[in-house]
PDB file of N, CA and C in Angstrom:
ATOM      1  N   MET A   1      -6.244   2.321  -7.398  1.00  0.00           N
ATOM      2  CA  MET A   1      -5.940   2.647  -6.396  1.00  0.00           C
ATOM      3  C   MET A   1      -6.061   1.535  -4.874  1.00  0.00           C
ATOM      4  N   ALA A   2      -7.799   0.732  -5.334  1.00  0.00           N
ATOM      5  CA  ALA A   2      -7.703   0.085  -4.574  1.00  0.00           C
ATOM      6  C   ALA A   2      -7.239  -1.375  -4.390  1.00  0.00           C
ATOM      7  N   TRP A   3      -6.720  -1.705  -5.373  1.00  0.00           N
ATOM      8  CA  TRP A   3      -5.510  -2.851  -5.717  1.00  0.00           C
ATOM      9  C   TRP A   3      -4.265  -2.402  -4.645  1.00  0.00           C
ATOM     10  N   VAL A   4      -3.938  -1.595  -4.360  1.00  0.00           N
ATOM     11  CA  VAL A   4      -2.264  -1.087  -3.802  1.00  0.00           C
ATOM     12  C   VAL A   4      -2.915  -1.191  -2.181  1.00  0.00           C
ATOM     13  N   LEU A   5      -4.658  -0.157  -1.877  1.00  0.00           N
ATOM     14  CA  LEU A   5      -4.858  -0.577  -0.905  1.00  0.00           C
ATOM     15  C   LEU A   5      -4.876  -2.084  -0.215  1.00  0.00           C
ATOM     16  N   LEU A   6      -5.871  -2.441  -1.082  1.00  0.00           N
ATOM     17  CA  LEU A   6      -5.713  -3.706  -1.081  1.00  0.00           C
ATOM     18  C   LEU A   6      -4.051  -4.941  -0.567  1.00  0.00           C
ATOM     19  N   ALA A   7      -3.331  -4.513  -0.993  1.00  0.00           N
ATOM     20  CA  ALA A   7      -2.123  -5.394  -1.241  1.00  0.00           C
ATOM     21  C   ALA A   7      -1.947  -4.973  -0.093  1.00  0.00           C
ATOM     22  N   VAL A   8      -1.554  -3.337   0.734  1.00  0.00           N
ATOM     23  CA  VAL A   8      -1.110  -3.389   1.692  1.00  0.00           C
ATOM     24  C   VAL A   8      -1.738  -4.140   2.636  1.00  0.00           C
ATOM     25  N   ALA A   9      -3.285  -4.217   3.093  1.00  0.00           N
ATOM     26  CA  ALA A   9      -4.346  -4.670   3.870  1.00  0.00           C
ATOM     27  C   ALA A   9      -3.742  -6.337   4.257  1.00  0.00           C
ATOM     28  N   GLY A  10      -3.242  -7.204   2.947  1.00  0.00           N
ATOM     29  CA  GLY A  10      -2.890  -8.105   2.797  1.00  0.00           C
ATOM     30  C   GLY A  10      -1.750  -8.572   3.714  1.00  0.00           C
ATOM     31  N   LEU A  11      -0.662  -7.554   3.098  1.00  0.00           N
ATOM     32  CA  LEU A  11       0.889  -7.711   3.855  1.00  0.00           C
ATOM     33  C   LEU A  11       0.666  -6.981   5.144  1.00  0.00           C
ATOM     34  N   LEU A  12      -0.192  -6.310   5.975  1.00  0.00           N
ATOM     35  CA  LEU A  12      -0.362  -6.350   7.176  1.00  0.00           C
ATOM     36  C   LEU A  12      -0.994  -7.413   7.740  1.00  0.00           C
ATOM     37  N   GLU A  13      -1.780  -8.360   7.120  1.00  0.00           N
ATOM     38  CA  GLU A  13      -2.005  -9.484   8.166  1.00  0.00           C
ATOM     39  C   GLU A  13      -1.639 -10.136   8.665  1.00  0.00           C
ATOM     40  N   VAL A  14      -0.135 -10.416   7.959  1.00  0.00           N
ATOM     41  CA  VAL A  14       0.222 -11.334   8.640  1.00  0.00           C
ATOM     42  C   VAL A  14       1.600 -11.056   9.889  1.00  0.00           C
ATOM     43  N   GLY A  15       1.425  -9.755   9.823  1.00  0.00           N
ATOM     44  CA  GLY A  15       1.747  -8.873  11.356  1.00  0.00           C
ATOM     45  C   GLY A  15       0.804  -9.089  12.278  1.00  0.00           C
ATOM     46  N   TRP A  16      -0.461  -9.384  11.960  1.00  0.00           N
ATOM     47  CA  TRP A  16      -0.880  -9.364  13.138  1.00  0.00           C
ATOM     48  C   TRP A  16      -1.484 -11.099  13.659  1.00  0.00           C
ATOM     49  N   SER A  17      -1.537 -11.816  12.528  1.00  0.00           N
ATOM     50  CA  SER A  17      -1.963 -12.629  12.726  1.00  0.00           C
ATOM     51  C   SER A  17      -0.562 -13.300  13.055  1.00  0.00           C
ATOM     52  N   VAL A  18       0.564 -12.946  13.302  1.00  0.00           N
ATOM     53  CA  VAL A  18       1.657 -13.479  13.758  1.00  0.00           C
ATOM     54  C   VAL A  18       1.355 -13.669  15.284  1.00  0.00           C
ATOM     55  N   GLY A  19       0.900 -11.918  15.064  1.00  0.00           N
ATOM     56  CA  GLY A  19       0.847 -11.861  16.834  1.00  0.00           C
ATOM     57  C   GLY A  19      -0.205 -12.156  17.539  1.00  0.00           C
ATOM     58  N   MET A  20      -1.357 -12.472  16.848  1.00  0.00           N
ATOM     59  CA  MET A  20      -2.406 -13.395  17.676  1.00  0.00           C
ATOM     60  C   MET A  20      -1.480 -14.773  18.057  1.00  0.00           C
ATOM     61  N   LEU A  21      -0.824 -15.814  17.087  1.00  0.00           N
ATOM     62  CA  LEU A  21      -0.246 -16.722  16.966  1.00  0.00           C
ATOM     63  C   LEU A  21       0.595 -16.676  18.233  1.00  0.00           C
ATOM     64  N   CYS A  22       1.327 -15.446  18.213  1.00  0.00           N
ATOM     65  CA  CYS A  22       2.434 -15.784  19.890  1.00  0.00           C
ATOM     66  C   CYS A  22       1.674 -15.106  20.928  1.00  0.00           C
ATOM     67  N   LEU A  23       0.325 -14.558  20.995  1.00  0.00           N
ATOM     68  CA  LEU A  23      -0.609 -14.689  22.006  1.00  0.00           C
ATOM     69  C   LEU A  23      -0.622 -15.745  22.578  1.00  0.00           C
ATOM     70  N   LEU A  24      -0.993 -17.019  21.815  1.00  0.00           N
ATOM     71  CA  LEU A  24      -1.462 -17.675  22.145  1.00  0.00           C
ATOM     72  C   LEU A  24      -0.674 -19.490  22.680  1.00  0.00           C
ATOM     73  N   GLY A  25       0.639 -18.133  22.333  1.00  0.00           N
ATOM     74  CA  GLY A  25       2.172 -19.540  22.987  1.00  0.00           C
ATOM     75  C   GLY A  25       1.944 -20.545  22.425  1.00  0.00           C
ATOM     76  N   ASP A  26       1.559 -20.644  20.711  1.00  0.00           N
ATOM     77  CA  ASP A  26       1.523 -21.953  19.931  1.00  0.00           C
ATOM     78  C   ASP A  26       3.326 -21.897  19.152  1.00  0.00           C
ATOM     79  N   THR A  27       3.671 -21.177  19.560  1.00  0.00           N
ATOM     80  CA  THR A  27       5.336 -21.077  18.521  1.00  0.00           C
ATOM     81  C   THR A  27       6.466 -21.285  19.446  1.00  0.00           C
ATOM     82  N   PRO A  28       7.093 -22.068  18.925  1.00  0.00           N
ATOM     83  CA  PRO A  28       8.318 -22.555  19.521  1.00  0.00           C
ATOM     84  C   PRO A  28       9.328 -21.013  19.788  1.00  0.00           C
ATOM     85  N   LYS A  29       9.194 -20.329  18.805  1.00  0.00           N
ATOM     86  CA  LYS A  29       9.501 -19.180  19.535  1.00  0.00           C
ATOM     87  C   LYS A  29       8.782 -18.102  20.849  1.00  0.00           C
ATOM     88  N   PRO A  30      10.085 -17.336  21.423  1.00  0.00           N
ATOM     89  CA  PRO A  30       9.388 -17.065  22.664  1.00  0.00           C
ATOM     90  C   PRO A  30       8.112 -15.928  21.952  1.00  0.00           C
ATOM     91  N   PRO A  31       6.867 -15.805  23.092  1.00  0.00           N
ATOM     92  CA  PRO A  31       5.603 -14.756  22.425  1.00  0.00           C
ATOM     93  C   PRO A  31       5.942 -13.280  21.902  1.00  0.00           C
ATOM     94  N   TYR A  32       5.801 -13.002  20.828  1.00  0.00           N
ATOM     95  CA  TYR A  32       6.057 -11.360  20.896  1.00  0.00           C
ATOM     96  C   TYR A  32       5.305 -10.278  22.133  1.00  0.00           C
ATOM     97  N   THR A  33       3.803 -10.456  21.873  1.00  0.00           N
ATOM     98  CA  THR A  33       3.147  -9.640  22.875  1.00  0.00           C
ATOM     99  C   THR A  33       2.997 -10.614  24.021  1.00  0.00           C
ATOM    100  N   ASP A  34       3.211 -11.766  24.485  1.00  0.00           N
ATOM    101  CA  ASP A  34       3.510 -12.673  25.637  1.00  0.00           C
ATOM    102  C   ASP A  34       2.059 -12.349  26.766  1.00  0.00           C
ATOM    103  N   GLY A  35       1.012 -12.401  25.437  1.00  0.00           N
ATOM    104  CA  GLY A  35      -0.359 -12.531  26.615  1.00  0.00           C
ATOM    105  C   GLY A  35      -0.306 -11.169  26.604  1.00  0.00           C
ATOM    106  N   PHE A  36      -0.467 -10.082  25.625  1.00  0.00           N
ATOM    107  CA  PHE A  36      -0.980  -8.411  25.704  1.00  0.00           C
ATOM    108  C   PHE A  36      -0.108  -8.273  26.996  1.00  0.00           C
ATOM    109  N   THR A  37       0.365  -8.655  27.534  1.00  0.00           N
ATOM    110  CA  THR A  37       1.596  -8.211  29.047  1.00  0.00           C
ATOM    111  C   THR A  37       2.410  -6.970  28.002  1.00  0.00           C
ATOM    112  N   ARG A  38       2.727  -7.024  27.094  1.00  0.00           N
ATOM    113  CA  ARG A  38       4.272  -5.849  26.249  1.00  0.00           C
ATOM    114  C   ARG A  38       3.351  -5.379  25.614  1.00  0.00           C
ATOM    115  N   PRO A  39       3.031  -4.284  25.949  1.00  0.00           N
ATOM    116  CA  PRO A  39       2.782  -2.847  25.829  1.00  0.00           C
ATOM    117  C   PRO A  39       2.854  -2.692  23.993  1.00  0.00           C
ATOM    118  N   VAL A  40       4.043  -2.908  23.539  1.00  0.00           N
ATOM    119  CA  VAL A  40       4.186  -2.404  22.005  1.00  0.00           C
ATOM    120  C   VAL A  40       3.801  -3.412  21.197  1.00  0.00           C
ATOM    121  N   PRO A  41       4.279  -4.773  21.067  1.00  0.00           N
ATOM    122  CA  PRO A  41       3.958  -6.010  20.352  1.00  0.00           C
ATOM    123  C   PRO A  41       2.200  -5.499  20.708  1.00  0.00           C
ATOM    124  N   SER A  42       2.280  -5.635  21.458  1.00  0.00           N
ATOM    125  CA  SER A  42       0.365  -5.611  21.426  1.00  0.00           C
ATOM    126  C   SER A  42      -0.595  -4.787  20.680  1.00  0.00           C
ATOM    127  N   LEU A  43      -0.281  -3.231  20.821  1.00  0.00           N
ATOM    128  CA  LEU A  43      -0.460  -2.617  20.081  1.00  0.00           C
ATOM    129  C   LEU A  43      -0.268  -2.573  18.792  1.00  0.00           C
ATOM    130  N   LEU A  44       0.822  -3.120  18.326  1.00  0.00           N
ATOM    131  CA  LEU A  44       1.016  -3.331  17.079  1.00  0.00           C
ATOM    132  C   LEU A  44       0.283  -4.140  16.697  1.00  0.00           C
ATOM    133  N   THR A  45      -0.055  -5.332  17.295  1.00  0.00           N
ATOM    134  CA  THR A  45      -0.678  -6.319  16.769  1.00  0.00           C
ATOM    135  C   THR A  45      -2.346  -6.208  16.582  1.00  0.00           C
ATOM    136  N   GLY A  46      -2.985  -5.157  17.522  1.00  0.00           N
ATOM    137  CA  GLY A  46      -4.105  -4.342  17.210  1.00  0.00           C
ATOM    138  C   GLY A  46      -3.995  -3.467  16.442  1.00  0.00           C
ATOM    139  N   GLY A  47      -3.306  -2.747  16.178  1.00  0.00           N
ATOM    140  CA  GLY A  47      -2.991  -1.713  15.309  1.00  0.00           C
ATOM    141  C   GLY A  47      -3.178  -2.218  13.763  1.00  0.00           C
ATOM    142  N   GLY A  48      -2.341  -3.650  13.601  1.00  0.00           N
ATOM    143  CA  GLY A  48      -2.154  -4.402  12.104  1.00  0.00           C
ATOM    144  C   GLY A  48      -3.573  -5.080  12.163  1.00  0.00           C
ATOM    145  N   ILE A  49      -4.278  -5.286  12.546  1.00  0.00           N
ATOM    146  CA  ILE A  49      -5.983  -5.916  13.187  1.00  0.00           C
ATOM    147  C   ILE A  49      -6.277  -4.753  12.705  1.00  0.00           C
ATOM    148  N   VAL A  50      -6.914  -3.554  12.437  1.00  0.00           N
ATOM    149  CA  VAL A  50      -7.637  -2.484  12.541  1.00  0.00           C
ATOM    150  C   VAL A  50      -7.259  -2.519  11.411  1.00  0.00           C
ATOM    151  N   ALA A  51      -5.647  -1.766  10.925  1.00  0.00           N
ATOM    152  CA  ALA A  51      -5.845  -1.282   9.880  1.00  0.00           C
ATOM    153  C   ALA A  51      -5.737  -1.814   8.187  1.00  0.00           C
ATOM    154  N   SER A  52      -5.755  -3.045   8.728  1.00  0.00           N
ATOM    155  CA  SER A  52      -5.746  -3.949   7.372  1.00  0.00           C
ATOM    156  C   SER A  52      -7.245  -4.557   7.776  1.00  0.00           C
ATOM    157  N   MET A  53      -7.931  -4.290   8.139  1.00  0.00           N
ATOM    158  CA  MET A  53      -9.541  -4.364   7.822  1.00  0.00           C
ATOM    159  C   MET A  53      -9.754  -3.402   7.164  1.00  0.00           C
ATOM    160  N   LEU A  54      -9.646  -2.363   7.909  1.00  0.00           N
ATOM    161  CA  LEU A  54      -9.837  -0.469   7.752  1.00  0.00           C
ATOM    162  C   LEU A  54      -9.465  -0.341   5.724  1.00  0.00           C
ATOM    163  N   LEU A  55      -8.275  -1.132   5.125  1.00  0.00           N
ATOM    164  CA  LEU A  55      -7.755  -1.216   3.843  1.00  0.00           C
ATOM    165  C   LEU A  55      -8.633  -2.178   3.509  1.00  0.00           C
ATOM    166  N   LEU A  56      -9.037  -2.904   3.725  1.00  0.00           N
ATOM    167  CA  LEU A  56      -9.899  -3.851   2.837  1.00  0.00           C
ATOM    168  C   LEU A  56     -11.708  -3.828   2.591  1.00  0.00           C
ATOM    169  N   SER A  57     -11.767  -2.654   3.464  1.00  0.00           N
ATOM    170  CA  SER A  57     -13.120  -2.443   3.258  1.00  0.00           C
ATOM    171  C   SER A  57     -13.399  -1.109   2.490  1.00  0.00           C
ATOM    172  N   TYR A  58     -12.146  -0.497   2.626  1.00  0.00           N
ATOM    173  CA  TYR A  58     -11.678   0.765   1.250  1.00  0.00           C
ATOM    174  C   TYR A  58     -11.902   0.079  -0.027  1.00  0.00           C
ATOM    175  N   ALA A  59     -10.835  -0.940  -0.564  1.00  0.00           N
ATOM    176  CA  ALA A  59     -10.553  -1.867  -0.996  1.00  0.00           C
ATOM    177  C   ALA A  59     -11.766  -2.040  -1.926  1.00  0.00           C
ATOM    178  N   ALA A  60     -12.642  -2.642  -0.491  1.00  0.00           N
ATOM    179  CA  ALA A  60     -13.957  -3.373  -1.607  1.00  0.00           C
ATOM    180  C   ALA A  60     -14.901  -3.040  -1.927  1.00  0.00           C
ATOM    181  N   ARG A  61     -14.500  -1.121  -1.360  1.00  0.00           N
ATOM    182  CA  ARG A  61     -15.681  -0.955  -2.209  1.00  0.00           C
ATOM    183  C   ARG A  61     -15.646  -0.333  -3.300  1.00  0.00           C
ATOM    184  N   THR A  62     -14.961  -0.649  -4.014  1.00  0.00           N
ATOM    185  CA  THR A  62     -15.177  -0.295  -5.329  1.00  0.00           C
ATOM    186  C   THR A  62     -14.628  -1.407  -5.844  1.00  0.00           C
ATOM    187  N   LEU A  63     -13.503  -2.662  -5.437  1.00  0.00           N
ATOM    188  CA  LEU A  63     -13.470  -4.350  -6.143  1.00  0.00           C
ATOM    189  C   LEU A  63     -14.706  -4.994  -5.734  1.00  0.00           C
ATOM    190  N   PRO A  64     -15.609  -6.350  -6.261  1.00  0.00           N
ATOM    191  CA  PRO A  64     -16.302  -7.426  -5.847  1.00  0.00           C
ATOM    192  C   PRO A  64     -15.300  -8.074  -4.829  1.00  0.00           C
ATOM    193  N   ILE A  65     -16.733  -7.839  -3.686  1.00  0.00           N
ATOM    194  CA  ILE A  65     -16.239  -8.550  -2.595  1.00  0.00           C
ATOM    195  C   ILE A  65     -15.288  -9.888  -2.256  1.00  0.00           C
ATOM    196  N   GLY A  66     -15.521 -10.526  -2.945  1.00  0.00           N
ATOM    197  CA  GLY A  66     -15.323 -11.887  -3.613  1.00  0.00           C
ATOM    198  C   GLY A  66     -13.764 -11.743  -3.988  1.00  0.00           C
ATOM    199  N   THR A  67     -14.024 -11.053  -4.984  1.00  0.00           N
ATOM    200  CA  THR A  67     -12.514 -10.923  -5.235  1.00  0.00           C
ATOM    201  C   THR A  67     -11.517  -9.984  -4.353  1.00  0.00           C
ATOM    202  N   ALA A  68     -12.114  -9.216  -3.773  1.00  0.00           N
ATOM    203  CA  ALA A  68     -11.523  -8.358  -2.736  1.00  0.00           C
ATOM    204  C   ALA A  68     -11.069  -9.622  -1.666  1.00  0.00           C
ATOM    205  N   TYR A  69     -11.758  -9.720  -0.787  1.00  0.00           N
ATOM    206  CA  TYR A  69     -11.892 -11.011   0.469  1.00  0.00           C
ATOM    207  C   TYR A  69     -10.635 -11.925  -0.171  1.00  0.00           C
ATOM    208  N   GLY A  70     -10.793 -12.796  -0.914  1.00  0.00           N
ATOM    209  CA  GLY A  70      -9.700 -14.126  -1.949  1.00  0.00           C
ATOM    210  C   GLY A  70      -8.747 -13.082  -1.950  1.00  0.00           C
ATOM    211  N   VAL A  71      -8.177 -12.199  -1.962  1.00  0.00           N
ATOM    212  CA  VAL A  71      -6.976 -12.110  -2.551  1.00  0.00           C
ATOM    213  C   VAL A  71      -6.495 -11.106  -1.091  1.00  0.00           C
ATOM    214  N   TRP A  72      -6.987 -10.434  -0.778  1.00  0.00           N
ATOM    215  CA  TRP A  72      -6.722 -10.550   0.983  1.00  0.00           C
ATOM    216  C   TRP A  72      -6.287 -11.478   1.727  1.00  0.00           C
ATOM    217  N   VAL A  73      -6.827 -12.462   1.533  1.00  0.00           N
ATOM    218  CA  VAL A  73      -6.800 -13.978   2.517  1.00  0.00           C
ATOM    219  C   VAL A  73      -5.636 -14.662   1.838  1.00  0.00           C
ATOM    220  N   GLY A  74      -5.210 -14.403   0.261  1.00  0.00           N
ATOM    221  CA  GLY A  74      -4.285 -14.728  -0.334  1.00  0.00           C
ATOM    222  C   GLY A  74      -3.005 -14.471   0.041  1.00  0.00           C
ATOM    223  N   ILE A  75      -2.792 -13.372   0.000  1.00  0.00           N
ATOM    224  CA  ILE A  75      -1.631 -12.410   0.490  1.00  0.00           C
ATOM    225  C   ILE A  75      -1.464 -13.175   1.720  1.00  0.00           C
ATOM    226  N   GLY A  76      -2.347 -12.899   2.367  1.00  0.00           N
ATOM    227  CA  GLY A  76      -1.951 -13.109   4.302  1.00  0.00           C
ATOM    228  C   GLY A  76      -1.936 -14.423   4.541  1.00  0.00           C
ATOM    229  N   ALA A  77      -2.132 -15.305   3.545  1.00  0.00           N
ATOM    230  CA  ALA A  77      -1.577 -17.019   3.956  1.00  0.00           C
ATOM    231  C   ALA A  77      -0.778 -17.255   3.542  1.00  0.00           C
ATOM    232  N   ALA A  78      -0.396 -16.651   2.149  1.00  0.00           N
ATOM    233  CA  ALA A  78       1.221 -17.090   1.849  1.00  0.00           C
ATOM    234  C   ALA A  78       1.936 -16.677   2.441  1.00  0.00           C
ATOM    235  N   GLU A  79       1.870 -14.900   2.615  1.00  0.00           N
ATOM    236  CA  GLU A  79       3.031 -14.385   3.311  1.00  0.00           C
ATOM    237  C   GLU A  79       3.442 -15.281   4.704  1.00  0.00           C
ATOM    238  N   ALA A  80       1.995 -15.191   5.757  1.00  0.00           N
ATOM    239  CA  ALA A  80       1.869 -16.117   6.913  1.00  0.00           C
ATOM    240  C   ALA A  80       2.992 -17.787   6.849  1.00  0.00           C
ATOM    241  N   ALA A  81       2.628 -17.942   5.496  1.00  0.00           N
ATOM    242  CA  ALA A  81       3.450 -19.845   5.385  1.00  0.00           C
ATOM    243  C   ALA A  81       4.578 -19.430   4.725  1.00  0.00           C
ATOM    244  N   VAL A  82       5.520 -18.023   4.717  1.00  0.00           N
ATOM    245  CA  VAL A  82       6.638 -17.823   4.143  1.00  0.00           C
ATOM    246  C   VAL A  82       7.212 -17.531   5.614  1.00  0.00           C
ATOM    247  N   PHE A  83       6.521 -16.866   6.130  1.00  0.00           N
ATOM    248  CA  PHE A  83       7.021 -15.922   7.717  1.00  0.00           C
ATOM    249  C   PHE A  83       7.112 -17.454   8.571  1.00  0.00           C
ATOM    250  N   GLY A  84       6.509 -18.742   8.144  1.00  0.00           N
ATOM    251  CA  GLY A  84       7.008 -19.783   9.179  1.00  0.00           C
ATOM    252  C   GLY A  84       7.939 -20.268   8.751  1.00  0.00           C
ATOM    253  N   MET A  85       7.959 -20.374   7.774  1.00  0.00           N
ATOM    254  CA  MET A  85       8.965 -21.527   7.181  1.00  0.00           C
ATOM    255  C   MET A  85      10.428 -20.246   7.104  1.00  0.00           C
ATOM    256  N   VAL A  86      10.426 -19.042   7.469  1.00  0.00           N
ATOM    257  CA  VAL A  86      11.785 -18.601   7.548  1.00  0.00           C
ATOM    258  C   VAL A  86      12.463 -17.927   8.773  1.00  0.00           C
ATOM    259  N   VAL A  87      11.348 -17.687   9.225  1.00  0.00           N
ATOM    260  CA  VAL A  87      11.525 -17.501  10.982  1.00  0.00           C
ATOM    261  C   VAL A  87      11.152 -17.945  11.377  1.00  0.00           C
ATOM    262  N   LEU A  88      10.551 -19.232  11.453  1.00  0.00           N
ATOM    263  CA  LEU A  88       9.578 -19.653  13.180  1.00  0.00           C
ATOM    264  C   LEU A  88      10.400 -21.421  12.674  1.00  0.00           C
ATOM    265  N   GLY A  89      11.119 -21.527  11.521  1.00  0.00           N
ATOM    266  CA  GLY A  89      11.701 -22.805  11.525  1.00  0.00           C
ATOM    267  C   GLY A  89      10.382 -23.899  10.872  1.00  0.00           C
ATOM    268  N   GLU A  90       9.313 -23.317  10.621  1.00  0.00           N
ATOM    269  CA  GLU A  90       8.592 -24.188  10.208  1.00  0.00           C
ATOM    270  C   GLU A  90       9.253 -25.805   8.733  1.00  0.00           C
ATOM    271  N   PRO A  91       9.162 -26.316   8.522  1.00  0.00           N
ATOM    272  CA  PRO A  91       9.471 -27.442   7.273  1.00  0.00           C
ATOM    273  C   PRO A  91       9.362 -26.179   6.175  1.00  0.00           C
ATOM    274  N   ALA A  92      10.707 -26.474   4.707  1.00  0.00           N
ATOM    275  CA  ALA A  92      10.509 -25.629   3.749  1.00  0.00           C
ATOM    276  C   ALA A  92      10.476 -26.539   2.505  1.00  0.00           C
ATOM    277  N   THR A  93       9.580 -28.102   2.882  1.00  0.00           N
ATOM    278  CA  THR A  93       9.612 -28.623   1.498  1.00  0.00           C
ATOM    279  C   THR A  93       8.836 -27.948   0.211  1.00  0.00           C
ATOM    280  N   ALA A  94       9.387 -28.532  -1.009  1.00  0.00           N
ATOM    281  CA  ALA A  94       9.073 -28.598  -2.291  1.00  0.00           C
ATOM    282  C   ALA A  94       7.968 -28.572  -2.234  1.00  0.00           C
ATOM    283  N   ALA A  95       6.970 -29.428  -1.476  1.00  0.00           N
ATOM    284  CA  ALA A  95       5.188 -28.748  -2.042  1.00  0.00           C
ATOM    285  C   ALA A  95       4.675 -28.222  -1.028  1.00  0.00           C
ATOM    286  N   ARG A  96       5.390 -27.919  -0.430  1.00  0.00           N
ATOM    287  CA  ARG A  96       5.059 -26.735   0.597  1.00  0.00           C
ATOM    288  C   ARG A  96       4.617 -25.034  -0.287  1.00  0.00           C
ATOM    289  N   ILE A  97       6.653 -25.303  -0.755  1.00  0.00           N
ATOM    290  CA  ILE A  97       6.719 -23.786  -1.725  1.00  0.00           C
ATOM    291  C   ILE A  97       6.053 -24.082  -3.139  1.00  0.00           C
ATOM    292  N   PHE A  98       5.813 -25.336  -3.527  1.00  0.00           N
ATOM    293  CA  PHE A  98       4.835 -25.107  -4.659  1.00  0.00           C
ATOM    294  C   PHE A  98       3.496 -24.902  -4.595  1.00  0.00           C
ATOM    295  N   PHE A  99       3.000 -25.531  -2.725  1.00  0.00           N
ATOM    296  CA  PHE A  99       1.795 -24.608  -3.074  1.00  0.00           C
ATOM    297  C   PHE A  99       1.524 -23.502  -2.413  1.00  0.00           C
ATOM    298  N   VAL A 100       2.082 -22.794  -2.188  1.00  0.00           N
ATOM    299  CA  VAL A 100       2.191 -21.296  -1.653  1.00  0.00           C
ATOM    300  C   VAL A 100       2.371 -20.395  -2.792  1.00  0.00           C
ATOM    301  N   CYS A 101       3.297 -20.711  -3.972  1.00  0.00           N
ATOM    302  CA  CYS A 101       3.196 -20.718  -5.091  1.00  0.00           C
ATOM    303  C   CYS A 101       1.795 -20.512  -6.131  1.00  0.00           C
ATOM    304  N   LEU A 102       1.191 -21.985  -5.653  1.00  0.00           N
ATOM    305  CA  LEU A 102       0.592 -21.883  -6.381  1.00  0.00           C
ATOM    306  C   LEU A 102      -1.043 -21.026  -5.775  1.00  0.00           C
ATOM    307  N   LEU A 103      -0.750 -20.957  -4.735  1.00  0.00           N
ATOM    308  CA  LEU A 103      -1.684 -19.865  -3.981  1.00  0.00           C
ATOM    309  C   LEU A 103      -1.604 -17.978  -4.868  1.00  0.00           C
ATOM    310  N   LEU A 104      -0.224 -17.957  -4.751  1.00  0.00           N
ATOM    311  CA  LEU A 104      -0.339 -16.831  -5.525  1.00  0.00           C
ATOM    312  C   LEU A 104      -0.627 -16.966  -6.596  1.00  0.00           C
ATOM    313  N   VAL A 105      -0.419 -17.637  -7.166  1.00  0.00           N
ATOM    314  CA  VAL A 105      -0.993 -17.487  -8.847  1.00  0.00           C
ATOM    315  C   VAL A 105      -2.425 -18.195  -8.897  1.00  0.00           C
ATOM    316  N   ALA A 106      -3.197 -18.230  -7.976  1.00  0.00           N
ATOM    317  CA  ALA A 106      -4.640 -17.707  -7.582  1.00  0.00           C
ATOM    318  C   ALA A 106      -5.005 -16.398  -7.614  1.00  0.00           C
ATOM    319  N   VAL A 107      -4.289 -15.779  -6.644  1.00  0.00           N
ATOM    320  CA  VAL A 107      -4.029 -14.402  -6.110  1.00  0.00           C
ATOM    321  C   VAL A 107      -4.188 -13.624  -7.310  1.00  0.00           C
ATOM    322  N   VAL A 108      -3.533 -13.747  -8.723  1.00  0.00           N
ATOM    323  CA  VAL A 108      -3.234 -13.229  -9.464  1.00  0.00           C
ATOM    324  C   VAL A 108      -3.912 -13.269 -10.706  1.00  0.00           C
ATOM    325  N   GLY A 109      -5.199 -14.592 -10.427  1.00  0.00           N
ATOM    326  CA  GLY A 109      -5.878 -14.940 -11.186  1.00  0.00           C
ATOM    327  C   GLY A 109      -6.994 -13.673 -10.926  1.00  0.00           C
ATOM    328  N   LEU A 110      -7.168 -14.448  -9.629  1.00  0.00           N
ATOM    329  CA  LEU A 110      -8.866 -13.042  -9.386  1.00  0.00           C
ATOM    330  C   LEU A 110      -8.168 -12.078  -9.887  1.00  0.00           C
ATOM    331  N   LYS A 111      -7.700 -11.420  -9.579  1.00  0.00           N
ATOM    332  CA  LYS A 111      -7.381 -10.126  -9.801  1.00  0.00           C
ATOM    333  C   LYS A 111      -7.365  -9.969 -11.210  1.00  0.00           C
ATOM    334  N   ALA A 112      -6.601 -10.575 -12.265  1.00  0.00           N
ATOM    335  CA  ALA A 112      -6.912 -10.830 -13.848  1.00  0.00           C
ATOM    336  C   ALA A 112      -8.213 -10.856 -14.314  1.00  0.00           C
ATOM    337  N   THR A 113      -8.742 -11.871 -13.650  1.00  0.00           N
ATOM    338  CA  THR A 113     -10.220 -11.561 -13.963  1.00  0.00           C
ATOM    339  C   THR A 113     -11.457 -10.973 -13.503  1.00  0.00           C
ATOM    340  N   SER A 114     -11.248 -10.483 -12.435  1.00  0.00           N
ATOM    341  CA  SER A 114     -12.031  -9.379 -11.822  1.00  0.00           C
ATOM    342  C   SER A 114     -12.877  -8.324 -12.816  1.00  0.00           C
ATOM    343  N   GLY A 115     -12.051  -7.535 -13.672  1.00  0.00           N
ATOM    344  CA  GLY A 115     -12.701  -6.550 -14.232  1.00  0.00           C
ATOM    345  C   GLY A 115     -12.344  -5.286 -14.123  1.00  0.00           C
ATOM    346  N   HIS A 116     -11.472  -5.427 -12.897  1.00  0.00           N
ATOM    347  CA  HIS A 116     -11.150  -3.779 -12.533  1.00  0.00           C
ATOM    348  C   HIS A 116     -10.027  -3.848 -13.008  1.00  0.00           C
TER     349      HIS A 116
END
């Protein structure tokens, strides 16, 4: 069950990270939360942060923290990179796609060697 919680926590990470990025106006797209002036996107960003970290903390109760944190960050980083390429128009070069795949291989490797 801890692995499921950790996977969901990692998936939620992209939502709040994109929400925070858009808060700062660092994206060519219009900011979703518009500096926390739009209530629904702002609440979703805040809720995503809380839910993601709570699920990470529950998973870390039974998984080694280094593994749990590494998998959480890896899932979020890969997902954010793919989101950037697909939604925000960032370059989708062969090298970027290769390294996202390599990141996912590392996440699988952490899970496979965790002993849980």
